[in-house]
ModelCIF file with pLDDT and N, C-alpha, C, O atoms, coordinates in Angstrom:
data_MODEL
#
_entry.id   MODEL 
#
_entity.id                         1 
_entity.type                       polymer 
_entity.pdbx_number_of_molecules   1 
#
_entity_poly.entity_id                      1 
_entity_poly.type                           'polypeptide(L)' 
_entity_poly.nstd_linkage                   no 
_entity_poly.nstd_monomer                   no 
_entity_poly.pdbx_seq_one_letter_code       PGRYHLYASYTCPWAQRAVIVRDLAGLRDVVSVSYVDDDRDARGW 
_entity_poly.pdbx_seq_one_letter_code_can   PGRYHLYASYTCPWAQRAVIVRDLAGLRDVVSVSYVDDDRDARGW 
_entity_poly.pdbx_strand_id                 A 
#
loop_
_entity_poly_seq.entity_id 
_entity_poly_seq.num 
_entity_poly_seq.mon_id 
_entity_poly_seq.hetero 
1 1  PRO n 
1 2  GLY n 
1 3  ARG n 
1 4  TYR n 
1 5  HIS n 
1 6  LEU n 
1 7  TYR n 
1 8  ALA n 
1 9  SER n 
1 10 TYR n 
1 11 THR n 
1 12 CYS n 
1 13 PRO n 
1 14 TRP n 
1 15 ALA n 
1 16 GLN n 
1 17 ARG n 
1 18 ALA n 
1 19 VAL n 
1 20 ILE n 
1 21 VAL n 
1 22 ARG n 
1 23 ASP n 
1 24 LEU n 
1 25 ALA n 
1 26 GLY n 
1 27 LEU n 
1 28 ARG n 
1 29 ASP n 
1 30 VAL n 
1 31 VAL n 
1 32 SER n 
1 33 VAL n 
1 34 SER n 
1 35 TYR n 
1 36 VAL n 
1 37 ASP n 
1 38 ASP n 
1 39 ASP n 
1 40 ARG n 
1 41 ASP n 
1 42 ALA n 
1 43 ARG n 
1 44 GLY n 
1 45 TRP n 
#
_struct_asym.id          A 
_struct_asym.entity_id   1 
#
loop_
_ma_qa_metric.id 
_ma_qa_metric.mode 
_ma_qa_metric.name 
_ma_qa_metric.software_group_id 
_ma_qa_metric.type 
1 global pLDDT . pLDDT 
2 local  pLDDT . pLDDT 
#
_ma_qa_metric_global.metric_id      1 
_ma_qa_metric_global.metric_value   97.20 
_ma_qa_metric_global.model_id       1 
_ma_qa_metric_global.ordinal_id     1 
#
loop_
_ma_qa_metric_local.label_asym_id 
_ma_qa_metric_local.label_comp_id 
_ma_qa_metric_local.label_seq_id 
_ma_qa_metric_local.metric_id 
_ma_qa_metric_local.metric_value 
_ma_qa_metric_local.model_id 
_ma_qa_metric_local.ordinal_id 
A PRO 1  2 97.00 1 1  
A GLY 2  2 97.00 1 2  
A ARG 3  2 97.00 1 3  
A TYR 4  2 98.00 1 4  
A HIS 5  2 98.00 1 5  
A LEU 6  2 98.00 1 6  
A TYR 7  2 98.00 1 7  
A ALA 8  2 98.00 1 8  
A SER 9  2 98.00 1 9  
A TYR 10 2 97.00 1 10 
A THR 11 2 96.00 1 11 
A CYS 12 2 96.00 1 12 
A PRO 13 2 96.00 1 13 
A TRP 14 2 96.00 1 14 
A ALA 15 2 98.00 1 15 
A GLN 16 2 98.00 1 16 
A ARG 17 2 97.00 1 17 
A ALA 18 2 98.00 1 18 
A VAL 19 2 98.00 1 19 
A ILE 20 2 98.00 1 20 
A VAL 21 2 98.00 1 21 
A ARG 22 2 98.00 1 22 
A ASP 23 2 98.00 1 23 
A LEU 24 2 97.00 1 24 
A ALA 25 2 97.00 1 25 
A GLY 26 2 97.00 1 26 
A LEU 27 2 98.00 1 27 
A ARG 28 2 97.00 1 28 
A ASP 29 2 97.00 1 29 
A VAL 30 2 98.00 1 30 
A VAL 31 2 98.00 1 31 
A SER 32 2 98.00 1 32 
A VAL 33 2 98.00 1 33 
A SER 34 2 98.00 1 34 
A TYR 35 2 98.00 1 35 
A VAL 36 2 98.00 1 36 
A ASP 37 2 97.00 1 37 
A ASP 38 2 96.00 1 38 
A ASP 39 2 95.00 1 39 
A ARG 40 2 94.00 1 40 
A ASP 41 2 94.00 1 41 
A ALA 42 2 96.00 1 42 
A ARG 43 2 97.00 1 43 
A GLY 44 2 97.00 1 44 
A TRP 45 2 98.00 1 45 
#
loop_
_atom_site.group_PDB 
_atom_site.id 
_atom_site.type_symbol 
_atom_site.label_atom_id 
_atom_site.label_alt_id 
_atom_site.label_comp_id 
_atom_site.label_asym_id 
_atom_site.label_entity_id 
_atom_site.label_seq_id 
_atom_site.pdbx_PDB_ins_code 
_atom_site.Cartn_x 
_atom_site.Cartn_y 
_atom_site.Cartn_z 
_atom_site.occupancy 
_atom_site.B_iso_or_equiv 
_atom_site.pdbx_formal_charge 
_atom_site.auth_seq_id 
_atom_site.auth_comp_id 
_atom_site.auth_asym_id 
_atom_site.auth_atom_id 
_atom_site.pdbx_PDB_model_num 
ATOM 1   N N  . PRO A 1 1  ? -46.094 55.637 -66.774 1.00 97.00 ? 1  PRO A N  1 
ATOM 2   C CA . PRO A 1 1  ? -45.090 56.652 -67.118 1.00 97.00 ? 1  PRO A CA 1 
ATOM 3   C C  . PRO A 1 1  ? -45.635 57.620 -68.166 1.00 97.00 ? 1  PRO A C  1 
ATOM 4   O O  . PRO A 1 1  ? -46.262 57.207 -69.141 1.00 97.00 ? 1  PRO A O  1 
ATOM 5   N N  . GLY A 1 2  ? -45.389 58.905 -67.955 1.00 97.00 ? 2  GLY A N  1 
ATOM 6   C CA . GLY A 1 2  ? -45.759 59.922 -68.931 1.00 97.00 ? 2  GLY A CA 1 
ATOM 7   C C  . GLY A 1 2  ? -47.193 60.372 -68.883 1.00 97.00 ? 2  GLY A C  1 
ATOM 8   O O  . GLY A 1 2  ? -47.571 61.288 -69.614 1.00 97.00 ? 2  GLY A O  1 
ATOM 9   N N  . ARG A 1 3  ? -48.004 59.763 -68.050 1.00 97.00 ? 3  ARG A N  1 
ATOM 10  C CA . ARG A 1 3  ? -49.428 60.117 -68.042 1.00 97.00 ? 3  ARG A CA 1 
ATOM 11  C C  . ARG A 1 3  ? -49.737 61.325 -67.161 1.00 97.00 ? 3  ARG A C  1 
ATOM 12  O O  . ARG A 1 3  ? -50.661 62.084 -67.454 1.00 97.00 ? 3  ARG A O  1 
ATOM 13  N N  . TYR A 1 4  ? -48.979 61.508 -66.092 1.00 98.00 ? 4  TYR A N  1 
ATOM 14  C CA . TYR A 1 4  ? -49.343 62.506 -65.087 1.00 98.00 ? 4  TYR A CA 1 
ATOM 15  C C  . TYR A 1 4  ? -48.339 63.654 -65.042 1.00 98.00 ? 4  TYR A C  1 
ATOM 16  O O  . TYR A 1 4  ? -47.150 63.492 -65.316 1.00 98.00 ? 4  TYR A O  1 
ATOM 17  N N  . HIS A 1 5  ? -48.874 64.824 -64.684 1.00 98.00 ? 5  HIS A N  1 
ATOM 18  C CA . HIS A 1 5  ? -48.073 66.042 -64.587 1.00 98.00 ? 5  HIS A CA 1 
ATOM 19  C C  . HIS A 1 5  ? -48.358 66.707 -63.254 1.00 98.00 ? 5  HIS A C  1 
ATOM 20  O O  . HIS A 1 5  ? -49.501 66.754 -62.801 1.00 98.00 ? 5  HIS A O  1 
ATOM 21  N N  . LEU A 1 6  ? -47.308 67.221 -62.633 1.00 98.00 ? 6  LEU A N  1 
ATOM 22  C CA . LEU A 1 6  ? -47.422 67.873 -61.339 1.00 98.00 ? 6  LEU A CA 1 
ATOM 23  C C  . LEU A 1 6  ? -47.223 69.372 -61.513 1.00 98.00 ? 6  LEU A C  1 
ATOM 24  O O  . LEU A 1 6  ? -46.165 69.820 -61.953 1.00 98.00 ? 6  LEU A O  1 
ATOM 25  N N  . TYR A 1 7  ? -48.246 70.139 -61.164 1.00 98.00 ? 7  TYR A N  1 
ATOM 26  C CA . TYR A 1 7  ? -48.121 71.597 -61.118 1.00 98.00 ? 7  TYR A CA 1 
ATOM 27  C C  . TYR A 1 7  ? -47.671 71.975 -59.708 1.00 98.00 ? 7  TYR A C  1 
ATOM 28  O O  . TYR A 1 7  ? -48.316 71.604 -58.726 1.00 98.00 ? 7  TYR A O  1 
ATOM 29  N N  . ALA A 1 8  ? -46.567 72.711 -59.610 1.00 98.00 ? 8  ALA A N  1 
ATOM 30  C CA . ALA A 1 8  ? -45.973 73.003 -58.311 1.00 98.00 ? 8  ALA A CA 1 
ATOM 31  C C  . ALA A 1 8  ? -45.630 74.487 -58.205 1.00 98.00 ? 8  ALA A C  1 
ATOM 32  O O  . ALA A 1 8  ? -45.802 75.257 -59.151 1.00 98.00 ? 8  ALA A O  1 
ATOM 33  N N  . SER A 1 9  ? -45.140 74.862 -57.023 1.00 98.00 ? 9  SER A N  1 
ATOM 34  C CA . SER A 1 9  ? -44.699 76.222 -56.753 1.00 98.00 ? 9  SER A CA 1 
ATOM 35  C C  . SER A 1 9  ? -43.467 76.171 -55.864 1.00 98.00 ? 9  SER A C  1 
ATOM 36  O O  . SER A 1 9  ? -43.392 75.341 -54.958 1.00 98.00 ? 9  SER A O  1 
ATOM 37  N N  . TYR A 1 10 ? -42.507 77.043 -56.110 1.00 97.00 ? 10 TYR A N  1 
ATOM 38  C CA . TYR A 1 10 ? -41.325 77.111 -55.256 1.00 97.00 ? 10 TYR A CA 1 
ATOM 39  C C  . TYR A 1 10 ? -41.666 77.686 -53.881 1.00 97.00 ? 10 TYR A C  1 
ATOM 40  O O  . TYR A 1 10 ? -40.949 77.423 -52.916 1.00 97.00 ? 10 TYR A O  1 
ATOM 41  N N  . THR A 1 11 ? -42.733 78.457 -53.773 1.00 96.00 ? 11 THR A N  1 
ATOM 42  C CA . THR A 1 11 ? -43.068 79.078 -52.497 1.00 96.00 ? 11 THR A CA 1 
ATOM 43  C C  . THR A 1 11 ? -43.775 78.114 -51.555 1.00 96.00 ? 11 THR A C  1 
ATOM 44  O O  . THR A 1 11 ? -43.654 78.258 -50.339 1.00 96.00 ? 11 THR A O  1 
ATOM 45  N N  . CYS A 1 12 ? -44.499 77.152 -52.069 1.00 96.00 ? 12 CYS A N  1 
ATOM 46  C CA . CYS A 1 12 ? -45.381 76.312 -51.274 1.00 96.00 ? 12 CYS A CA 1 
ATOM 47  C C  . CYS A 1 12 ? -44.655 75.081 -50.728 1.00 96.00 ? 12 CYS A C  1 
ATOM 48  O O  . CYS A 1 12 ? -44.132 74.293 -51.516 1.00 96.00 ? 12 CYS A O  1 
ATOM 49  N N  . PRO A 1 13 ? -44.604 74.890 -49.405 1.00 96.00 ? 13 PRO A N  1 
ATOM 50  C CA . PRO A 1 13 ? -43.915 73.715 -48.868 1.00 96.00 ? 13 PRO A CA 1 
ATOM 51  C C  . PRO A 1 13 ? -44.577 72.402 -49.262 1.00 96.00 ? 13 PRO A C  1 
ATOM 52  O O  . PRO A 1 13 ? -43.893 71.398 -49.459 1.00 96.00 ? 13 PRO A O  1 
ATOM 53  N N  . TRP A 1 14 ? -45.911 72.401 -49.379 1.00 96.00 ? 14 TRP A N  1 
ATOM 54  C CA . TRP A 1 14 ? -46.616 71.169 -49.743 1.00 96.00 ? 14 TRP A CA 1 
ATOM 55  C C  . TRP A 1 14 ? -46.284 70.765 -51.177 1.00 96.00 ? 14 TRP A C  1 
ATOM 56  O O  . TRP A 1 14 ? -46.141 69.580 -51.478 1.00 96.00 ? 14 TRP A O  1 
ATOM 57  N N  . ALA A 1 15 ? -46.162 71.756 -52.057 1.00 98.00 ? 15 ALA A N  1 
ATOM 58  C CA . ALA A 1 15 ? -45.795 71.457 -53.434 1.00 98.00 ? 15 ALA A CA 1 
ATOM 59  C C  . ALA A 1 15 ? -44.354 70.973 -53.511 1.00 98.00 ? 15 ALA A C  1 
ATOM 60  O O  . ALA A 1 15 ? -44.059 70.020 -54.231 1.00 98.00 ? 15 ALA A O  1 
ATOM 61  N N  . GLN A 1 16 ? -43.451 71.622 -52.774 1.00 98.00 ? 16 GLN A N  1 
ATOM 62  C CA . GLN A 1 16 ? -42.062 71.172 -52.785 1.00 98.00 ? 16 GLN A CA 1 
ATOM 63  C C  . GLN A 1 16 ? -41.949 69.757 -52.240 1.00 98.00 ? 16 GLN A C  1 
ATOM 64  O O  . GLN A 1 16 ? -41.156 68.962 -52.744 1.00 98.00 ? 16 GLN A O  1 
ATOM 65  N N  . ARG A 1 17 ? -42.730 69.436 -51.219 1.00 97.00 ? 17 ARG A N  1 
ATOM 66  C CA . ARG A 1 17 ? -42.721 68.085 -50.668 1.00 97.00 ? 17 ARG A CA 1 
ATOM 67  C C  . ARG A 1 17 ? -43.027 67.056 -51.758 1.00 97.00 ? 17 ARG A C  1 
ATOM 68  O O  . ARG A 1 17 ? -42.349 66.033 -51.857 1.00 97.00 ? 17 ARG A O  1 
ATOM 69  N N  . ALA A 1 18 ? -44.049 67.327 -52.575 1.00 98.00 ? 18 ALA A N  1 
ATOM 70  C CA . ALA A 1 18 ? -44.418 66.391 -53.641 1.00 98.00 ? 18 ALA A CA 1 
ATOM 71  C C  . ALA A 1 18 ? -43.306 66.247 -54.666 1.00 98.00 ? 18 ALA A C  1 
ATOM 72  O O  . ALA A 1 18 ? -43.029 65.138 -55.124 1.00 98.00 ? 18 ALA A O  1 
ATOM 73  N N  . VAL A 1 19 ? -42.659 67.359 -55.035 1.00 98.00 ? 19 VAL A N  1 
ATOM 74  C CA . VAL A 1 19 ? -41.602 67.295 -56.046 1.00 98.00 ? 19 VAL A CA 1 
ATOM 75  C C  . VAL A 1 19 ? -40.375 66.567 -55.500 1.00 98.00 ? 19 VAL A C  1 
ATOM 76  O O  . VAL A 1 19 ? -39.745 65.790 -56.218 1.00 98.00 ? 19 VAL A O  1 
ATOM 77  N N  . ILE A 1 20 ? -40.034 66.813 -54.235 1.00 98.00 ? 20 ILE A N  1 
ATOM 78  C CA . ILE A 1 20 ? -38.894 66.114 -53.649 1.00 98.00 ? 20 ILE A CA 1 
ATOM 79  C C  . ILE A 1 20 ? -39.142 64.608 -53.631 1.00 98.00 ? 20 ILE A C  1 
ATOM 80  O O  . ILE A 1 20 ? -38.248 63.829 -53.964 1.00 98.00 ? 20 ILE A O  1 
ATOM 81  N N  . VAL A 1 21 ? -40.349 64.193 -53.245 1.00 98.00 ? 21 VAL A N  1 
ATOM 82  C CA . VAL A 1 21 ? -40.671 62.763 -53.244 1.00 98.00 ? 21 VAL A CA 1 
ATOM 83  C C  . VAL A 1 21 ? -40.527 62.198 -54.653 1.00 98.00 ? 21 VAL A C  1 
ATOM 84  O O  . VAL A 1 21 ? -39.949 61.126 -54.831 1.00 98.00 ? 21 VAL A O  1 
ATOM 85  N N  . ARG A 1 22 ? -41.043 62.904 -55.650 1.00 98.00 ? 22 ARG A N  1 
ATOM 86  C CA . ARG A 1 22 ? -40.897 62.461 -57.045 1.00 98.00 ? 22 ARG A CA 1 
ATOM 87  C C  . ARG A 1 22 ? -39.441 62.273 -57.405 1.00 98.00 ? 22 ARG A C  1 
ATOM 88  O O  . ARG A 1 22 ? -39.069 61.256 -57.990 1.00 98.00 ? 22 ARG A O  1 
ATOM 89  N N  . ASP A 1 23 ? -38.606 63.255 -57.056 1.00 98.00 ? 23 ASP A N  1 
ATOM 90  C CA . ASP A 1 23 ? -37.198 63.215 -57.444 1.00 98.00 ? 23 ASP A CA 1 
ATOM 91  C C  . ASP A 1 23 ? -36.432 62.153 -56.661 1.00 98.00 ? 23 ASP A C  1 
ATOM 92  O O  . ASP A 1 23 ? -35.636 61.412 -57.238 1.00 98.00 ? 23 ASP A O  1 
ATOM 93  N N  . LEU A 1 24 ? -36.667 62.074 -55.354 1.00 97.00 ? 24 LEU A N  1 
ATOM 94  C CA . LEU A 1 24 ? -35.973 61.079 -54.543 1.00 97.00 ? 24 LEU A CA 1 
ATOM 95  C C  . LEU A 1 24 ? -36.317 59.660 -54.985 1.00 97.00 ? 24 LEU A C  1 
ATOM 96  O O  . LEU A 1 24 ? -35.462 58.775 -54.989 1.00 97.00 ? 24 LEU A O  1 
ATOM 97  N N  . ALA A 1 25 ? -37.578 59.456 -55.355 1.00 97.00 ? 25 ALA A N  1 
ATOM 98  C CA . ALA A 1 25 ? -38.017 58.123 -55.765 1.00 97.00 ? 25 ALA A CA 1 
ATOM 99  C C  . ALA A 1 25 ? -37.495 57.731 -57.141 1.00 97.00 ? 25 ALA A C  1 
ATOM 100 O O  . ALA A 1 25 ? -37.643 56.580 -57.553 1.00 97.00 ? 25 ALA A O  1 
ATOM 101 N N  . GLY A 1 26 ? -36.886 58.673 -57.853 1.00 97.00 ? 26 GLY A N  1 
ATOM 102 C CA . GLY A 1 26 ? -36.355 58.377 -59.183 1.00 97.00 ? 26 GLY A CA 1 
ATOM 103 C C  . GLY A 1 26 ? -37.398 58.438 -60.276 1.00 97.00 ? 26 GLY A C  1 
ATOM 104 O O  . GLY A 1 26 ? -37.329 57.680 -61.243 1.00 97.00 ? 26 GLY A O  1 
ATOM 105 N N  . LEU A 1 27 ? -38.375 59.341 -60.133 1.00 98.00 ? 27 LEU A N  1 
ATOM 106 C CA . LEU A 1 27 ? -39.506 59.388 -61.066 1.00 98.00 ? 27 LEU A CA 1 
ATOM 107 C C  . LEU A 1 27 ? -39.479 60.608 -61.982 1.00 98.00 ? 27 LEU A C  1 
ATOM 108 O O  . LEU A 1 27 ? -40.514 60.985 -62.531 1.00 98.00 ? 27 LEU A O  1 
ATOM 109 N N  . ARG A 1 28 ? -38.325 61.225 -62.154 1.00 97.00 ? 28 ARG A N  1 
ATOM 110 C CA . ARG A 1 28 ? -38.268 62.424 -62.996 1.00 97.00 ? 28 ARG A CA 1 
ATOM 111 C C  . ARG A 1 28 ? -38.706 62.149 -64.426 1.00 97.00 ? 28 ARG A C  1 
ATOM 112 O O  . ARG A 1 28 ? -39.299 63.015 -65.068 1.00 97.00 ? 28 ARG A O  1 
ATOM 113 N N  . ASP A 1 29 ? -38.424 60.968 -64.927 1.00 97.00 ? 29 ASP A N  1 
ATOM 114 C CA . ASP A 1 29 ? -38.815 60.630 -66.296 1.00 97.00 ? 29 ASP A CA 1 
ATOM 115 C C  . ASP A 1 29 ? -40.181 59.944 -66.358 1.00 97.00 ? 29 ASP A C  1 
ATOM 116 O O  . ASP A 1 29 ? -40.630 59.530 -67.426 1.00 97.00 ? 29 ASP A O  1 
ATOM 117 N N  . VAL A 1 30 ? -40.826 59.831 -65.212 1.00 98.00 ? 30 VAL A N  1 
ATOM 118 C CA . VAL A 1 30 ? -42.114 59.134 -65.133 1.00 98.00 ? 30 VAL A CA 1 
ATOM 119 C C  . VAL A 1 30 ? -43.258 60.120 -64.937 1.00 98.00 ? 30 VAL A C  1 
ATOM 120 O O  . VAL A 1 30 ? -44.307 59.988 -65.567 1.00 98.00 ? 30 VAL A O  1 
ATOM 121 N N  . VAL A 1 31 ? -43.062 61.106 -64.066 1.00 98.00 ? 31 VAL A N  1 
ATOM 122 C CA . VAL A 1 31 ? -44.057 62.150 -63.789 1.00 98.00 ? 31 VAL A CA 1 
ATOM 123 C C  . VAL A 1 31 ? -43.397 63.493 -64.066 1.00 98.00 ? 31 VAL A C  1 
ATOM 124 O O  . VAL A 1 31 ? -42.371 63.808 -63.463 1.00 98.00 ? 31 VAL A O  1 
ATOM 125 N N  . SER A 1 32 ? -43.957 64.280 -64.954 1.00 98.00 ? 32 SER A N  1 
ATOM 126 C CA . SER A 1 32 ? -43.372 65.580 -65.290 1.00 98.00 ? 32 SER A CA 1 
ATOM 127 C C  . SER A 1 32 ? -43.816 66.634 -64.283 1.00 98.00 ? 32 SER A C  1 
ATOM 128 O O  . SER A 1 32 ? -44.776 66.426 -63.541 1.00 98.00 ? 32 SER A O  1 
ATOM 129 N N  . VAL A 1 33 ? -43.111 67.772 -64.260 1.00 98.00 ? 33 VAL A N  1 
ATOM 130 C CA . VAL A 1 33 ? -43.424 68.841 -63.320 1.00 98.00 ? 33 VAL A CA 1 
ATOM 131 C C  . VAL A 1 33 ? -43.183 70.193 -63.977 1.00 98.00 ? 33 VAL A C  1 
ATOM 132 O O  . VAL A 1 33 ? -42.295 70.333 -64.818 1.00 98.00 ? 33 VAL A O  1 
ATOM 133 N N  . SER A 1 34 ? -43.963 71.167 -63.597 1.00 98.00 ? 34 SER A N  1 
ATOM 134 C CA . SER A 1 34 ? -43.720 72.555 -63.981 1.00 98.00 ? 34 SER A CA 1 
ATOM 135 C C  . SER A 1 34 ? -44.163 73.450 -62.832 1.00 98.00 ? 34 SER A C  1 
ATOM 136 O O  . SER A 1 34 ? -44.865 73.016 -61.918 1.00 98.00 ? 34 SER A O  1 
ATOM 137 N N  . TYR A 1 35 ? -43.732 74.730 -62.899 1.00 98.00 ? 35 TYR A N  1 
ATOM 138 C CA . TYR A 1 35 ? -43.933 75.636 -61.771 1.00 98.00 ? 35 TYR A CA 1 
ATOM 139 C C  . TYR A 1 35 ? -44.761 76.856 -62.156 1.00 98.00 ? 35 TYR A C  1 
ATOM 140 O O  . TYR A 1 35 ? -44.612 77.418 -63.240 1.00 98.00 ? 35 TYR A O  1 
ATOM 141 N N  . VAL A 1 36 ? -45.629 77.243 -61.244 1.00 98.00 ? 36 VAL A N  1 
ATOM 142 C CA . VAL A 1 36 ? -46.328 78.515 -61.376 1.00 98.00 ? 36 VAL A CA 1 
ATOM 143 C C  . VAL A 1 36 ? -45.416 79.629 -60.873 1.00 98.00 ? 36 VAL A C  1 
ATOM 144 O O  . VAL A 1 36 ? -44.403 79.368 -60.225 1.00 98.00 ? 36 VAL A O  1 
ATOM 145 N N  . ASP A 1 37 ? -45.781 80.860 -61.173 1.00 97.00 ? 37 ASP A N  1 
ATOM 146 C CA . ASP A 1 37 ? -45.025 82.016 -60.716 1.00 97.00 ? 37 ASP A CA 1 
ATOM 147 C C  . ASP A 1 37 ? -45.191 82.179 -59.205 1.00 97.00 ? 37 ASP A C  1 
ATOM 148 O O  . ASP A 1 37 ? -46.163 81.697 -58.623 1.00 97.00 ? 37 ASP A O  1 
ATOM 149 N N  . ASP A 1 38 ? -44.236 82.860 -58.579 1.00 96.00 ? 38 ASP A N  1 
ATOM 150 C CA . ASP A 1 38 ? -44.275 83.037 -57.128 1.00 96.00 ? 38 ASP A CA 1 
ATOM 151 C C  . ASP A 1 38 ? -45.385 83.979 -56.678 1.00 96.00 ? 38 ASP A C  1 
ATOM 152 O O  . ASP A 1 38 ? -45.895 83.836 -55.567 1.00 96.00 ? 38 ASP A O  1 
ATOM 153 N N  . ASP A 1 39 ? -45.768 84.932 -57.510 1.00 95.00 ? 39 ASP A N  1 
ATOM 154 C CA . ASP A 1 39 ? -46.708 85.979 -57.111 1.00 95.00 ? 39 ASP A CA 1 
ATOM 155 C C  . ASP A 1 39 ? -48.114 85.682 -57.618 1.00 95.00 ? 39 ASP A C  1 
ATOM 156 O O  . ASP A 1 39 ? -48.283 85.073 -58.675 1.00 95.00 ? 39 ASP A O  1 
ATOM 157 N N  . ARG A 1 40 ? -49.113 86.110 -56.867 1.00 94.00 ? 40 ARG A N  1 
ATOM 158 C CA . ARG A 1 40 ? -50.494 85.927 -57.308 1.00 94.00 ? 40 ARG A CA 1 
ATOM 159 C C  . ARG A 1 40 ? -51.366 87.076 -56.828 1.00 94.00 ? 40 ARG A C  1 
ATOM 160 O O  . ARG A 1 40 ? -51.087 87.716 -55.814 1.00 94.00 ? 40 ARG A O  1 
ATOM 161 N N  . ASP A 1 41 ? -52.409 87.315 -57.571 1.00 94.00 ? 41 ASP A N  1 
ATOM 162 C CA . ASP A 1 41 ? -53.452 88.250 -57.179 1.00 94.00 ? 41 ASP A CA 1 
ATOM 163 C C  . ASP A 1 41 ? -54.756 87.448 -57.110 1.00 94.00 ? 41 ASP A C  1 
ATOM 164 O O  . ASP A 1 41 ? -54.713 86.228 -56.951 1.00 94.00 ? 41 ASP A O  1 
ATOM 165 N N  . ALA A 1 42 ? -55.889 88.097 -57.224 1.00 96.00 ? 42 ALA A N  1 
ATOM 166 C CA . ALA A 1 42 ? -57.172 87.402 -57.067 1.00 96.00 ? 42 ALA A CA 1 
ATOM 167 C C  . ALA A 1 42 ? -57.384 86.314 -58.114 1.00 96.00 ? 42 ALA A C  1 
ATOM 168 O O  . ALA A 1 42 ? -58.237 85.446 -57.932 1.00 96.00 ? 42 ALA A O  1 
ATOM 169 N N  . ARG A 1 43 ? -56.629 86.346 -59.197 1.00 97.00 ? 43 ARG A N  1 
ATOM 170 C CA . ARG A 1 43 ? -56.771 85.322 -60.239 1.00 97.00 ? 43 ARG A CA 1 
ATOM 171 C C  . ARG A 1 43 ? -56.130 83.997 -59.834 1.00 97.00 ? 43 ARG A C  1 
ATOM 172 O O  . ARG A 1 43 ? -56.351 82.979 -60.490 1.00 97.00 ? 43 ARG A O  1 
ATOM 173 N N  . GLY A 1 44 ? -55.340 83.999 -58.764 1.00 97.00 ? 44 GLY A N  1 
ATOM 174 C CA . GLY A 1 44 ? -54.688 82.784 -58.309 1.00 97.00 ? 44 GLY A CA 1 
ATOM 175 C C  . GLY A 1 44 ? -53.329 82.582 -58.948 1.00 97.00 ? 44 GLY A C  1 
ATOM 176 O O  . GLY A 1 44 ? -52.761 83.505 -59.532 1.00 97.00 ? 44 GLY A O  1 
ATOM 177 N N  . TRP A 1 45 ? -52.808 81.359 -58.834 1.00 98.00 ? 45 TRP A N  1 
ATOM 178 C CA . TRP A 1 45 ? -51.499 81.043 -59.389 1.00 98.00 ? 45 TRP A CA 1 
ATOM 179 C C  . TRP A 1 45 ? -51.507 81.198 -60.915 1.00 98.00 ? 45 TRP A C  1 
ATOM 180 O O  . TRP A 1 45 ? -50.485 80.973 -61.564 1.00 98.00 ? 45 TRP A O  1 
#
């Protein structure tokens, strides 16, 4: 618990899949999550 962090995006289905699994499994207080912005240029997320 508390060791891992998930970087996600609201636009990406693969990222949402990971966050939904985290939340459904009851791991909100075990694995933290934050989101990148929806828009990107050559610098990436």
